[in-house]
């Protein structure tokens, strides 16, 4: 499985971004696709996950109500819609399935 993230960028506090994780290859069901993030000087932390085939989402407490994870099966893409972004959301965001990781996409929230 290969993963490729996109959609990061620079945004002001309160703004929104949508990250995409395009998946190539095949994974046997059931499995999770997860978004992690890593801020400078900090460890990698789990942000959200979604199951396949059920599509059940789960979120870290610090993003509940602000972020939404979803999957488009036809496009083999998992999205992370991020709203009401805060400076503490600044990090490199990574997509993960099993032992496979993408290269990451930078999200910077600053005024």
N, C-alpha and C. Protein backbone atom coordinates (compact mmCIF):
# COMPACT_ATOMS: atom_id res chain seq x y z
N UNK A 1 0.85 -1.19 0.00
CA UNK A 1 0.00 0.00 0.00
C UNK A 1 0.88 1.24 0.00
N UNK A 2 0.53 2.20 -0.84
CA UNK A 2 1.23 3.48 -0.86
C UNK A 2 0.22 4.59 -0.58
N UNK A 3 0.67 5.56 0.21
CA UNK A 3 -0.20 6.65 0.64
C UNK A 3 0.43 7.97 0.24
N UNK A 4 -0.40 8.90 -0.21
CA UNK A 4 0.09 10.22 -0.59
C UNK A 4 -0.86 11.28 -0.06
N UNK A 5 -0.34 12.15 0.82
CA UNK A 5 -1.14 13.22 1.39
C UNK A 5 -1.01 14.49 0.55
N UNK A 6 -2.06 15.30 0.61
CA UNK A 6 -2.04 16.62 -0.03
C UNK A 6 -3.04 17.51 0.67
N UNK A 7 -2.98 18.80 0.38
CA UNK A 7 -3.97 19.72 0.90
C UNK A 7 -3.52 20.60 2.03
N UNK A 8 -2.30 20.41 2.51
CA UNK A 8 -1.82 21.26 3.58
C UNK A 8 -1.56 22.67 3.10
N UNK A 9 -1.28 23.56 4.06
CA UNK A 9 -0.99 24.93 3.69
C UNK A 9 -0.99 25.84 4.88
N UNK A 10 -1.01 27.12 4.59
CA UNK A 10 -1.00 28.17 5.60
C UNK A 10 -2.40 28.75 5.72
N UNK A 11 -2.89 28.83 6.95
CA UNK A 11 -4.25 29.31 7.18
C UNK A 11 -4.29 30.12 8.47
N UNK A 12 -5.20 31.06 8.53
CA UNK A 12 -5.37 31.86 9.74
C UNK A 12 -6.19 31.11 10.77
N UNK A 13 -6.03 31.45 12.04
CA UNK A 13 -6.88 30.84 13.08
C UNK A 13 -8.35 31.01 12.74
N UNK A 14 -9.11 29.93 12.95
CA UNK A 14 -10.52 29.93 12.60
C UNK A 14 -10.79 29.47 11.20
N UNK A 15 -9.75 29.30 10.42
CA UNK A 15 -9.91 28.88 9.03
C UNK A 15 -10.08 27.38 8.89
N UNK A 16 -10.17 26.94 7.63
CA UNK A 16 -10.41 25.54 7.32
C UNK A 16 -9.45 25.04 6.25
N UNK A 17 -9.20 23.76 6.28
CA UNK A 17 -8.43 23.07 5.25
C UNK A 17 -9.00 21.67 5.10
N UNK A 18 -8.84 21.10 3.92
CA UNK A 18 -9.19 19.70 3.71
C UNK A 18 -7.96 18.95 3.22
N UNK A 19 -7.54 17.98 4.01
CA UNK A 19 -6.43 17.12 3.62
C UNK A 19 -6.95 15.89 2.90
N UNK A 20 -6.16 15.42 1.94
CA UNK A 20 -6.51 14.22 1.20
C UNK A 20 -5.40 13.19 1.35
N UNK A 21 -5.80 11.95 1.43
CA UNK A 21 -4.86 10.82 1.46
C UNK A 21 -5.28 9.85 0.37
N UNK A 22 -4.51 9.81 -0.69
CA UNK A 22 -4.81 8.92 -1.80
C UNK A 22 -4.07 7.60 -1.59
N UNK A 23 -4.83 6.51 -1.67
CA UNK A 23 -4.30 5.19 -1.35
C UNK A 23 -4.18 4.36 -2.62
N UNK A 24 -3.04 3.79 -2.84
CA UNK A 24 -2.87 2.86 -3.96
C UNK A 24 -2.42 1.52 -3.40
N UNK A 25 -2.90 0.44 -4.01
CA UNK A 25 -2.61 -0.88 -3.49
C UNK A 25 -3.85 -1.46 -2.85
N UNK A 26 -3.72 -2.62 -2.27
CA UNK A 26 -4.87 -3.36 -1.75
C UNK A 26 -4.61 -3.77 -0.32
N UNK A 27 -5.64 -3.57 0.51
CA UNK A 27 -5.59 -4.00 1.90
C UNK A 27 -6.81 -4.84 2.18
N UNK A 28 -6.63 -5.95 2.82
CA UNK A 28 -7.76 -6.81 3.16
C UNK A 28 -8.59 -6.15 4.26
N UNK A 29 -9.91 -6.23 4.10
CA UNK A 29 -10.82 -5.77 5.14
C UNK A 29 -10.78 -6.72 6.33
N UNK A 30 -11.10 -6.28 7.50
CA UNK A 30 -11.26 -4.88 7.89
C UNK A 30 -9.91 -4.22 8.20
N UNK A 31 -9.86 -2.90 8.04
CA UNK A 31 -8.65 -2.17 8.38
C UNK A 31 -9.01 -0.74 8.74
N UNK A 32 -8.03 -0.05 9.29
CA UNK A 32 -8.19 1.35 9.66
C UNK A 32 -7.31 2.21 8.75
N UNK A 33 -7.81 3.38 8.41
CA UNK A 33 -6.98 4.44 7.88
C UNK A 33 -6.95 5.54 8.92
N UNK A 34 -5.76 5.99 9.23
CA UNK A 34 -5.60 6.94 10.33
C UNK A 34 -4.87 8.20 9.86
N UNK A 35 -5.21 9.31 10.48
CA UNK A 35 -4.45 10.55 10.36
C UNK A 35 -3.71 10.78 11.67
N UNK A 36 -2.43 11.03 11.56
CA UNK A 36 -1.59 11.42 12.68
C UNK A 36 -1.04 12.82 12.39
N UNK A 37 -0.50 13.41 13.43
CA UNK A 37 0.21 14.67 13.23
C UNK A 37 1.42 14.73 14.16
N UNK A 38 2.38 15.52 13.73
CA UNK A 38 3.58 15.71 14.55
C UNK A 38 3.98 17.17 14.49
N UNK A 39 3.93 17.81 15.64
CA UNK A 39 4.34 19.21 15.75
C UNK A 39 5.84 19.26 16.05
N UNK A 40 6.47 20.38 15.76
CA UNK A 40 7.91 20.50 16.02
C UNK A 40 8.25 20.21 17.47
N UNK A 41 9.20 19.33 17.68
CA UNK A 41 9.65 19.01 19.02
C UNK A 41 8.73 18.09 19.80
N UNK A 42 7.70 17.58 19.15
CA UNK A 42 6.74 16.71 19.84
C UNK A 42 6.65 15.37 19.14
N UNK A 43 6.06 14.41 19.82
CA UNK A 43 5.85 13.10 19.24
C UNK A 43 4.66 13.06 18.30
N UNK A 44 4.57 11.99 17.57
CA UNK A 44 3.45 11.84 16.63
C UNK A 44 2.21 11.43 17.43
N UNK A 45 1.07 12.07 17.13
CA UNK A 45 -0.16 11.78 17.86
C UNK A 45 -1.29 11.46 16.89
N UNK A 46 -2.14 10.55 17.32
CA UNK A 46 -3.28 10.15 16.51
C UNK A 46 -4.34 11.25 16.52
N UNK A 47 -4.84 11.58 15.35
CA UNK A 47 -5.85 12.62 15.21
C UNK A 47 -7.22 12.01 14.96
N UNK A 48 -7.31 11.11 14.00
CA UNK A 48 -8.60 10.53 13.63
C UNK A 48 -8.36 9.23 12.90
N UNK A 49 -9.39 8.37 12.91
CA UNK A 49 -9.31 7.11 12.19
C UNK A 49 -10.67 6.78 11.61
N UNK A 50 -10.65 5.95 10.57
CA UNK A 50 -11.89 5.50 9.95
C UNK A 50 -11.71 4.04 9.55
N UNK A 51 -12.75 3.26 9.77
CA UNK A 51 -12.67 1.84 9.49
C UNK A 51 -13.11 1.54 8.05
N UNK A 52 -12.68 0.41 7.57
CA UNK A 52 -13.17 -0.14 6.31
C UNK A 52 -13.48 -1.61 6.54
N UNK A 53 -14.69 -2.02 6.17
CA UNK A 53 -15.63 -1.33 5.29
C UNK A 53 -16.68 -0.48 6.00
N UNK A 54 -16.69 -0.46 7.29
CA UNK A 54 -17.79 0.20 7.99
C UNK A 54 -17.82 1.71 7.86
N UNK A 55 -16.66 2.34 7.74
CA UNK A 55 -16.62 3.79 7.67
C UNK A 55 -16.87 4.47 9.00
N UNK A 56 -16.66 3.75 10.10
CA UNK A 56 -16.89 4.34 11.42
C UNK A 56 -15.72 5.24 11.81
N UNK A 57 -16.02 6.50 12.14
CA UNK A 57 -14.94 7.42 12.49
C UNK A 57 -14.66 7.44 13.99
N UNK A 58 -13.47 7.87 14.32
CA UNK A 58 -13.10 8.08 15.71
C UNK A 58 -12.13 9.24 15.74
N UNK A 59 -12.17 10.03 16.83
CA UNK A 59 -11.40 11.26 16.90
C UNK A 59 -10.71 11.41 18.23
N UNK A 60 -9.56 12.05 18.19
CA UNK A 60 -8.92 12.48 19.42
C UNK A 60 -9.77 13.59 20.03
N UNK A 61 -9.76 13.69 21.36
CA UNK A 61 -10.59 14.68 22.03
C UNK A 61 -10.27 16.09 21.57
N UNK A 62 -9.02 16.36 21.25
CA UNK A 62 -8.64 17.74 20.93
C UNK A 62 -9.11 18.19 19.55
N UNK A 63 -9.72 17.29 18.75
CA UNK A 63 -10.25 17.70 17.45
C UNK A 63 -11.75 17.42 17.31
N UNK A 64 -12.34 16.80 18.30
CA UNK A 64 -13.77 16.48 18.22
C UNK A 64 -14.59 17.75 18.02
N UNK A 65 -15.51 17.67 17.09
CA UNK A 65 -16.35 18.83 16.78
C UNK A 65 -15.72 19.78 15.77
N UNK A 66 -14.45 19.59 15.45
CA UNK A 66 -13.78 20.49 14.52
C UNK A 66 -13.31 19.77 13.25
N UNK A 67 -12.88 18.52 13.38
CA UNK A 67 -12.35 17.75 12.26
C UNK A 67 -13.33 16.63 11.90
N UNK A 68 -13.37 16.30 10.62
CA UNK A 68 -14.20 15.21 10.14
C UNK A 68 -13.39 14.34 9.19
N UNK A 69 -13.37 13.04 9.46
CA UNK A 69 -12.69 12.10 8.58
C UNK A 69 -13.74 11.38 7.74
N UNK A 70 -13.41 11.16 6.47
CA UNK A 70 -14.35 10.49 5.59
C UNK A 70 -13.58 9.74 4.51
N UNK A 71 -14.28 8.85 3.84
CA UNK A 71 -13.64 8.03 2.80
C UNK A 71 -14.47 8.06 1.54
N UNK A 72 -13.82 8.23 0.40
CA UNK A 72 -14.45 8.07 -0.91
C UNK A 72 -13.87 6.81 -1.54
N UNK A 73 -14.66 5.74 -1.51
CA UNK A 73 -14.15 4.46 -1.97
C UNK A 73 -13.84 4.46 -3.46
N UNK A 74 -14.63 5.18 -4.23
CA UNK A 74 -14.41 5.19 -5.68
C UNK A 74 -13.10 5.88 -6.03
N UNK A 75 -12.72 6.86 -5.22
CA UNK A 75 -11.48 7.60 -5.48
C UNK A 75 -10.32 7.06 -4.66
N UNK A 76 -10.56 6.05 -3.84
CA UNK A 76 -9.51 5.50 -2.97
C UNK A 76 -8.83 6.61 -2.17
N UNK A 77 -9.65 7.48 -1.64
CA UNK A 77 -9.13 8.64 -0.94
C UNK A 77 -9.81 8.80 0.41
N UNK A 78 -9.03 9.13 1.41
CA UNK A 78 -9.54 9.46 2.74
C UNK A 78 -9.27 10.94 2.98
N UNK A 79 -10.28 11.63 3.47
CA UNK A 79 -10.19 13.07 3.69
C UNK A 79 -10.17 13.39 5.18
N UNK A 80 -9.55 14.50 5.49
CA UNK A 80 -9.64 15.07 6.83
C UNK A 80 -10.04 16.53 6.66
N UNK A 81 -11.31 16.80 6.91
CA UNK A 81 -11.82 18.16 6.86
C UNK A 81 -11.56 18.81 8.20
N UNK A 82 -10.83 19.90 8.18
CA UNK A 82 -10.44 20.58 9.41
C UNK A 82 -11.06 21.97 9.42
N UNK A 83 -11.81 22.26 10.47
CA UNK A 83 -12.43 23.57 10.61
C UNK A 83 -12.03 24.20 11.94
N UNK A 84 -12.29 25.49 12.06
CA UNK A 84 -11.95 26.22 13.28
C UNK A 84 -10.52 25.90 13.73
N UNK A 85 -9.61 26.01 12.82
CA UNK A 85 -8.23 25.66 13.10
C UNK A 85 -7.60 26.61 14.11
N UNK A 86 -6.72 26.04 14.94
CA UNK A 86 -6.05 26.78 15.99
C UNK A 86 -4.54 26.72 15.76
N UNK A 87 -3.81 27.66 16.30
CA UNK A 87 -2.35 27.61 16.14
C UNK A 87 -1.75 26.29 16.63
N UNK A 88 -2.33 25.69 17.64
CA UNK A 88 -1.82 24.42 18.15
C UNK A 88 -2.08 23.24 17.22
N UNK A 89 -2.84 23.47 16.15
CA UNK A 89 -3.02 22.43 15.13
C UNK A 89 -1.86 22.41 14.13
N UNK A 90 -0.96 23.36 14.25
CA UNK A 90 0.20 23.40 13.36
C UNK A 90 1.04 22.15 13.53
N UNK A 91 1.26 21.45 12.44
CA UNK A 91 1.99 20.18 12.48
C UNK A 91 2.12 19.64 11.06
N UNK A 92 2.93 18.60 10.94
CA UNK A 92 2.92 17.80 9.71
C UNK A 92 1.90 16.69 9.93
N UNK A 93 1.00 16.54 8.98
CA UNK A 93 -0.07 15.55 9.09
C UNK A 93 0.25 14.37 8.18
N UNK A 94 0.15 13.18 8.76
CA UNK A 94 0.49 11.95 8.07
C UNK A 94 -0.72 11.01 7.98
N UNK A 95 -0.79 10.32 6.87
CA UNK A 95 -1.79 9.28 6.67
C UNK A 95 -1.13 7.92 6.91
N UNK A 96 -1.89 7.01 7.49
CA UNK A 96 -1.34 5.69 7.84
C UNK A 96 -2.36 4.58 7.62
N UNK A 97 -1.87 3.47 7.07
CA UNK A 97 -2.62 2.20 7.05
C UNK A 97 -1.63 1.10 7.39
N UNK A 98 -1.88 0.40 8.46
CA UNK A 98 -0.99 -0.68 8.87
C UNK A 98 0.42 -0.16 9.09
N UNK A 99 1.36 -0.69 8.34
CA UNK A 99 2.76 -0.25 8.46
C UNK A 99 3.14 0.76 7.39
N UNK A 100 2.18 1.20 6.59
CA UNK A 100 2.45 2.15 5.51
C UNK A 100 2.13 3.57 5.93
N UNK A 101 3.03 4.48 5.55
CA UNK A 101 2.89 5.90 5.88
C UNK A 101 3.10 6.74 4.62
N UNK A 102 2.37 7.86 4.59
CA UNK A 102 2.65 8.83 3.55
C UNK A 102 3.82 9.71 3.94
N UNK A 103 4.11 10.67 3.07
CA UNK A 103 5.27 11.55 3.30
C UNK A 103 4.93 12.73 4.19
N UNK A 104 3.64 12.98 4.40
CA UNK A 104 3.20 14.07 5.26
C UNK A 104 2.89 15.34 4.49
N UNK A 105 2.03 16.16 5.05
CA UNK A 105 1.70 17.46 4.49
C UNK A 105 1.67 18.47 5.62
N UNK A 106 2.29 19.62 5.39
CA UNK A 106 2.44 20.62 6.44
C UNK A 106 1.18 21.47 6.56
N UNK A 107 0.71 21.63 7.78
CA UNK A 107 -0.39 22.54 8.10
C UNK A 107 0.15 23.58 9.07
N UNK A 108 0.02 24.84 8.71
CA UNK A 108 0.49 25.93 9.56
C UNK A 108 -0.67 26.88 9.80
N UNK A 109 -0.98 27.09 11.07
CA UNK A 109 -2.08 27.98 11.46
C UNK A 109 -1.47 29.17 12.20
N UNK A 110 -1.55 30.32 11.58
CA UNK A 110 -0.95 31.51 12.16
C UNK A 110 -1.62 32.75 11.62
N UNK A 111 -1.62 33.79 12.45
CA UNK A 111 -2.18 35.07 12.02
C UNK A 111 -1.08 35.97 11.46
